[in-house]
PDB file of N, CA and C in Angstrom:
ATOM      1  N   MET A   1     115.800  70.582 111.482  1.00  0.00           N
ATOM      2  CA  MET A   1     114.624  70.244 110.724  1.00  0.00           C
ATOM      3  C   MET A   1     113.365  70.433 111.574  1.00  0.00           C
ATOM      4  N   LYS A   2     113.430  70.007 112.851  1.00  0.00           N
ATOM      5  CA  LYS A   2     112.264  70.136 113.709  1.00  0.00           C
ATOM      6  C   LYS A   2     111.906  71.598 113.925  1.00  0.00           C
ATOM      7  N   MET A   3     112.891  72.462 114.079  1.00  0.00           N
ATOM      8  CA  MET A   3     112.636  73.883 114.307  1.00  0.00           C
ATOM      9  C   MET A   3     111.975  74.512 113.084  1.00  0.00           C
ATOM     10  N   ASN A   4     112.379  74.109 111.874  1.00  0.00           N
ATOM     11  CA  ASN A   4     111.773  74.647 110.665  1.00  0.00           C
ATOM     12  C   ASN A   4     110.303  74.247 110.565  1.00  0.00           C
ATOM     13  N   ARG A   5     109.994  72.992 110.883  1.00  0.00           N
ATOM     14  CA  ARG A   5     108.610  72.531 110.835  1.00  0.00           C
ATOM     15  C   ARG A   5     107.772  73.252 111.881  1.00  0.00           C
ATOM     16  N   LEU A   6     108.331  73.443 113.055  1.00  0.00           N
ATOM     17  CA  LEU A   6     107.620  74.145 114.111  1.00  0.00           C
ATOM     18  C   LEU A   6     107.359  75.601 113.713  1.00  0.00           C
ATOM     19  N   ALA A   7     108.356  76.239 113.122  1.00  0.00           N
ATOM     20  CA  ALA A   7     108.195  77.625 112.698  1.00  0.00           C
ATOM     21  C   ALA A   7     107.130  77.738 111.605  1.00  0.00           C
ATOM     22  N   VAL A   8     107.117  76.830 110.676  1.00  0.00           N
ATOM     23  CA  VAL A   8     106.119  76.849 109.606  1.00  0.00           C
ATOM     24  C   VAL A   8     104.729  76.586 110.177  1.00  0.00           C
ATOM     25  N   ALA A   9     104.613  75.657 111.100  1.00  0.00           N
ATOM     26  CA  ALA A   9     103.319  75.350 111.704  1.00  0.00           C
ATOM     27  C   ALA A   9     102.798  76.549 112.495  1.00  0.00           C
ATOM     28  N   LEU A  10     103.642  77.184 113.294  1.00  0.00           N
ATOM     29  CA  LEU A  10     103.226  78.357 114.054  1.00  0.00           C
ATOM     30  C   LEU A  10     102.855  79.520 113.143  1.00  0.00           C
ATOM     31  N   THR A  11     103.581  79.691 112.067  1.00  0.00           N
ATOM     32  CA  THR A  11     103.263  80.751 111.106  1.00  0.00           C
ATOM     33  C   THR A  11     101.903  80.496 110.467  1.00  0.00           C
ATOM     34  N   ALA A  12     101.628  79.246 110.113  1.00  0.00           N
ATOM     35  CA  ALA A  12     100.334  78.908 109.504  1.00  0.00           C
ATOM     36  C   ALA A  12      99.197  79.137 110.500  1.00  0.00           C
ATOM     37  N   ILE A  13      99.391  78.753 111.758  1.00  0.00           N
ATOM     38  CA  ILE A  13      98.363  78.963 112.775  1.00  0.00           C
ATOM     39  C   ILE A  13      98.119  80.449 112.984  1.00  0.00           C
ATOM     40  N   ASN A  14      99.177  81.230 113.048  1.00  0.00           N
ATOM     41  CA  ASN A  14      99.033  82.682 113.211  1.00  0.00           C
ATOM     42  C   ASN A  14      98.301  83.309 112.031  1.00  0.00           C
ATOM     43  N   PHE A  15      98.575  82.830 110.838  1.00  0.00           N
ATOM     44  CA  PHE A  15      97.916  83.356 109.648  1.00  0.00           C
ATOM     45  C   PHE A  15      96.415  83.056 109.690  1.00  0.00           C
ATOM     46  N   VAL A  16      96.047  81.844 110.084  1.00  0.00           N
ATOM     47  CA  VAL A  16      94.632  81.472 110.181  1.00  0.00           C
ATOM     48  C   VAL A  16      93.947  82.324 111.240  1.00  0.00           C
ATOM     49  N   LEU A  17      94.598  82.531 112.384  1.00  0.00           N
ATOM     50  CA  LEU A  17      94.017  83.378 113.424  1.00  0.00           C
ATOM     51  C   LEU A  17      93.868  84.818 112.952  1.00  0.00           C
ATOM     52  N   LEU A  18      94.823  85.320 112.208  1.00  0.00           N
ATOM     53  CA  LEU A  18      94.736  86.680 111.674  1.00  0.00           C
ATOM     54  C   LEU A  18      93.541  86.821 110.740  1.00  0.00           C
ATOM     55  N   ILE A  19      93.337  85.865 109.863  1.00  0.00           N
ATOM     56  CA  ILE A  19      92.203  85.902 108.939  1.00  0.00           C
ATOM     57  C   ILE A  19      90.892  85.859 109.727  1.00  0.00           C
ATOM     58  N   PHE A  20      90.829  85.022 110.755  1.00  0.00           N
ATOM     59  CA  PHE A  20      89.617  84.921 111.578  1.00  0.00           C
ATOM     60  C   PHE A  20      89.322  86.240 112.281  1.00  0.00           C
ATOM     61  N   VAL A  21      90.323  86.865 112.867  1.00  0.00           N
ATOM     62  CA  VAL A  21      90.125  88.132 113.584  1.00  0.00           C
ATOM     63  C   VAL A  21      89.709  89.236 112.614  1.00  0.00           C
ATOM     64  N   LEU A  22      90.312  89.284 111.452  1.00  0.00           N
ATOM     65  CA  LEU A  22      89.935  90.291 110.464  1.00  0.00           C
ATOM     66  C   LEU A  22      88.504  90.084 109.975  1.00  0.00           C
ATOM     67  N   ALA A  23      88.095  88.851 109.806  1.00  0.00           N
ATOM     68  CA  ALA A  23      86.721  88.567 109.380  1.00  0.00           C
ATOM     69  C   ALA A  23      85.734  88.987 110.463  1.00  0.00           C
ATOM     70  N   GLN A  24      86.050  88.748 111.722  1.00  0.00           N
ATOM     71  CA  GLN A  24      85.173  89.144 112.816  1.00  0.00           C
ATOM     72  C   GLN A  24      85.060  90.661 112.909  1.00  0.00           C
ATOM     73  N   SER A  25      86.169  91.369 112.771  1.00  0.00           N
ATOM     74  CA  SER A  25      86.121  92.827 112.871  1.00  0.00           C
ATOM     75  C   SER A  25      85.348  93.428 111.701  1.00  0.00           C
ATOM     76  N   ARG A  26      85.448  92.836 110.543  1.00  0.00           N
ATOM     77  CA  ARG A  26      84.686  93.326 109.392  1.00  0.00           C
ATOM     78  C   ARG A  26      83.195  93.086 109.596  1.00  0.00           C
ATOM     79  N   ALA A  27      82.832  91.938 110.177  1.00  0.00           N
ATOM     80  CA  ALA A  27      81.422  91.640 110.438  1.00  0.00           C
ATOM     81  C   ALA A  27      80.866  92.615 111.465  1.00  0.00           C
ATOM     82  N   ASN A  28      81.643  92.967 112.469  1.00  0.00           N
ATOM     83  CA  ASN A  28      81.183  93.918 113.477  1.00  0.00           C
ATOM     84  C   ASN A  28      81.063  95.321 112.899  1.00  0.00           C
ATOM     85  N   ALA A  29      81.925  95.682 111.973  1.00  0.00           N
ATOM     86  CA  ALA A  29      81.903  97.018 111.390  1.00  0.00           C
ATOM     87  C   ALA A  29      80.698  97.209 110.475  1.00  0.00           C
ATOM     88  N   THR A  30      80.187  96.141 109.885  1.00  0.00           N
ATOM     89  CA  THR A  30      79.074  96.277 108.952  1.00  0.00           C
ATOM     90  C   THR A  30      77.723  96.331 109.649  1.00  0.00           C
ATOM     91  N   GLN A  31      77.668  96.029 110.944  1.00  0.00           N
ATOM     92  CA  GLN A  31      76.398  96.108 111.656  1.00  0.00           C
ATOM     93  C   GLN A  31      76.017  97.568 111.825  1.00  0.00           C
ATOM     94  N   THR A  32      74.753  97.864 111.568  1.00  0.00           N
ATOM     95  CA  THR A  32      74.285  99.235 111.694  1.00  0.00           C
ATOM     96  C   THR A  32      73.566  99.412 113.016  1.00  0.00           C
ATOM     97  N   SER A  33      73.614 100.612 113.516  1.00  0.00           N
ATOM     98  CA  SER A  33      72.913 100.895 114.759  1.00  0.00           C
ATOM     99  C   SER A  33      71.456 101.232 114.442  1.00  0.00           C
ATOM    100  N   PRO A  34      70.558 100.886 115.336  1.00  0.00           N
ATOM    101  CA  PRO A  34      69.140 101.159 115.085  1.00  0.00           C
ATOM    102  C   PRO A  34      68.869 102.665 115.065  1.00  0.00           C
ATOM    103  N   GLN A  35      67.879 103.068 114.299  1.00  0.00           N
ATOM    104  CA  GLN A  35      67.539 104.474 114.163  1.00  0.00           C
ATOM    105  C   GLN A  35      66.618 104.958 115.274  1.00  0.00           C
ATOM    106  N   THR A  36      65.961 104.038 115.985  1.00  0.00           N
ATOM    107  CA  THR A  36      65.045 104.424 117.047  1.00  0.00           C
ATOM    108  C   THR A  36      65.414 103.704 118.332  1.00  0.00           C
ATOM    109  N   LEU A  37      65.050 104.310 119.439  1.00  0.00           N
ATOM    110  CA  LEU A  37      65.237 103.726 120.757  1.00  0.00           C
ATOM    111  C   LEU A  37      63.863 103.534 121.371  1.00  0.00           C
ATOM    112  N   CYS A  38      63.543 102.315 121.769  1.00  0.00           N
ATOM    113  CA  CYS A  38      62.241 102.024 122.363  1.00  0.00           C
ATOM    114  C   CYS A  38      62.425 101.735 123.844  1.00  0.00           C
ATOM    115  N   ALA A  39      61.685 102.472 124.672  1.00  0.00           N
ATOM    116  CA  ALA A  39      61.747 102.272 126.120  1.00  0.00           C
ATOM    117  C   ALA A  39      60.463 102.766 126.752  1.00  0.00           C
ATOM    118  N   ARG A  40      60.136 102.244 127.912  1.00  0.00           N
ATOM    119  CA  ARG A  40      58.971 102.707 128.658  1.00  0.00           C
ATOM    120  C   ARG A  40      59.350 103.824 129.613  1.00  0.00           C
ATOM    121  N   ALA A  41      60.614 103.863 130.020  1.00  0.00           N
ATOM    122  CA  ALA A  41      61.073 104.912 130.925  1.00  0.00           C
ATOM    123  C   ALA A  41      62.561 105.163 130.697  1.00  0.00           C
ATOM    124  N   ILE A  42      62.956 106.425 130.897  1.00  0.00           N
ATOM    125  CA  ILE A  42      64.359 106.816 130.806  1.00  0.00           C
ATOM    126  C   ILE A  42      64.681 107.611 132.064  1.00  0.00           C
ATOM    127  N   GLU A  43      65.773 107.261 132.729  1.00  0.00           N
ATOM    128  CA  GLU A  43      66.187 107.982 133.926  1.00  0.00           C
ATOM    129  C   GLU A  43      67.626 108.455 133.754  1.00  0.00           C
ATOM    130  N   LEU A  44      67.869 109.699 134.169  1.00  0.00           N
ATOM    131  CA  LEU A  44      69.226 110.225 134.231  1.00  0.00           C
ATOM    132  C   LEU A  44      69.658 110.183 135.686  1.00  0.00           C
ATOM    133  N   VAL A  45      70.754 109.483 135.954  1.00  0.00           N
ATOM    134  CA  VAL A  45      71.214 109.254 137.316  1.00  0.00           C
ATOM    135  C   VAL A  45      72.599 109.874 137.475  1.00  0.00           C
ATOM    136  N   ASP A  46      72.824 110.564 138.622  1.00  0.00           N
ATOM    137  CA  ASP A  46      74.127 111.173 138.872  1.00  0.00           C
ATOM    138  C   ASP A  46      75.101 110.148 139.443  1.00  0.00           C
ATOM    139  N   ASP A  47      76.302 110.595 139.771  1.00  0.00           N
ATOM    140  CA  ASP A  47      77.343 109.699 140.275  1.00  0.00           C
ATOM    141  C   ASP A  47      76.990 109.063 141.615  1.00  0.00           C
ATOM    142  N   ASN A  48      76.122 109.700 142.378  1.00  0.00           N
ATOM    143  CA  ASN A  48      75.721 109.173 143.684  1.00  0.00           C
ATOM    144  C   ASN A  48      74.544 108.207 143.588  1.00  0.00           C
ATOM    145  N   GLY A  49      74.011 107.996 142.399  1.00  0.00           N
ATOM    146  CA  GLY A  49      72.888 107.097 142.213  1.00  0.00           C
ATOM    147  C   GLY A  49      71.541 107.758 142.370  1.00  0.00           C
ATOM    148  N   GLN A  50      71.520 109.076 142.504  1.00  0.00           N
ATOM    149  CA  GLN A  50      70.256 109.800 142.669  1.00  0.00           C
ATOM    150  C   GLN A  50      69.686 110.135 141.292  1.00  0.00           C
ATOM    151  N   VAL A  51      68.378 109.874 141.128  1.00  0.00           N
ATOM    152  CA  VAL A  51      67.710 110.166 139.863  1.00  0.00           C
ATOM    153  C   VAL A  51      67.566 111.673 139.733  1.00  0.00           C
ATOM    154  N   ARG A  52      68.105 112.224 138.656  1.00  0.00           N
ATOM    155  CA  ARG A  52      68.043 113.668 138.414  1.00  0.00           C
ATOM    156  C   ARG A  52      66.942 114.051 137.436  1.00  0.00           C
ATOM    157  N   ALA A  53      66.639 113.180 136.496  1.00  0.00           N
ATOM    158  CA  ALA A  53      65.567 113.445 135.531  1.00  0.00           C
ATOM    159  C   ALA A  53      64.930 112.113 135.156  1.00  0.00           C
ATOM    160  N   GLN A  54      63.633 112.168 134.846  1.00  0.00           N
ATOM    161  CA  GLN A  54      62.913 110.946 134.537  1.00  0.00           C
ATOM    162  C   GLN A  54      61.885 111.232 133.449  1.00  0.00           C
ATOM    163  N   LEU A  55      61.803 110.336 132.494  1.00  0.00           N
ATOM    164  CA  LEU A  55      60.821 110.433 131.420  1.00  0.00           C
ATOM    165  C   LEU A  55      60.068 109.107 131.396  1.00  0.00           C
ATOM    166  N   ASN A  56      58.757 109.164 131.699  1.00  0.00           N
ATOM    167  CA  ASN A  56      57.925 107.961 131.763  1.00  0.00           C
ATOM    168  C   ASN A  56      56.809 108.033 130.737  1.00  0.00           C
ATOM    169  N   VAL A  57      56.334 106.872 130.343  1.00  0.00           N
ATOM    170  CA  VAL A  57      55.145 106.769 129.508  1.00  0.00           C
ATOM    171  C   VAL A  57      54.006 106.362 130.424  1.00  0.00           C
ATOM    172  N   GLU A  58      53.027 107.226 130.539  1.00  0.00           N
ATOM    173  CA  GLU A  58      51.882 106.953 131.394  1.00  0.00           C
ATOM    174  C   GLU A  58      50.880 106.091 130.636  1.00  0.00           C
ATOM    175  N   PRO A  59      50.161 105.223 131.345  1.00  0.00           N
ATOM    176  CA  PRO A  59      49.126 104.435 130.675  1.00  0.00           C
ATOM    177  C   PRO A  59      48.031 105.360 130.141  1.00  0.00           C
ATOM    178  N   THR A  60      47.421 104.971 129.077  1.00  0.00           N
ATOM    179  CA  THR A  60      46.392 105.822 128.468  1.00  0.00           C
ATOM    180  C   THR A  60      45.165 105.879 129.364  1.00  0.00           C
ATOM    181  N   ALA A  61      44.604 107.031 129.484  1.00  0.00           N
ATOM    182  CA  ALA A  61      43.395 107.224 130.300  1.00  0.00           C
ATOM    183  C   ALA A  61      42.185 106.844 129.457  1.00  0.00           C
ATOM    184  N   LYS A  62      41.216 106.218 130.073  1.00  0.00           N
ATOM    185  CA  LYS A  62      39.987 105.848 129.368  1.00  0.00           C
ATOM    186  C   LYS A  62      39.106 107.073 129.267  1.00  0.00           C
ATOM    187  N   THR A  63      38.589 107.291 128.116  1.00  0.00           N
ATOM    188  CA  THR A  63      37.675 108.415 127.918  1.00  0.00           C
ATOM    189  C   THR A  63      36.249 107.888 127.873  1.00  0.00           C
ATOM    190  N   PHE A  64      35.375 108.607 128.500  1.00  0.00           N
ATOM    191  CA  PHE A  64      33.962 108.213 128.531  1.00  0.00           C
ATOM    192  C   PHE A  64      33.185 109.082 127.537  1.00  0.00           C
ATOM    193  N   LEU A  65      32.406 108.442 126.715  1.00  0.00           N
ATOM    194  CA  LEU A  65      31.595 109.174 125.735  1.00  0.00           C
ATOM    195  C   LEU A  65      30.157 109.214 126.114  1.00  0.00           C
TER     196      LEU A  65
END
């Protein structure tokens, strides 16, 4: 009798965990990725850590009228 109750309890716990994991994976799948990337600088770095390419946004220059 004890083994049957234990088996039923473990099965119920596993079922609840399965529902929770499926709900989490569905929530993650519905998130959309942003259409734009905002950054002030982008660097491409090689395996040695050396910067190979760099894209920076320079501050705007003041124009005199």
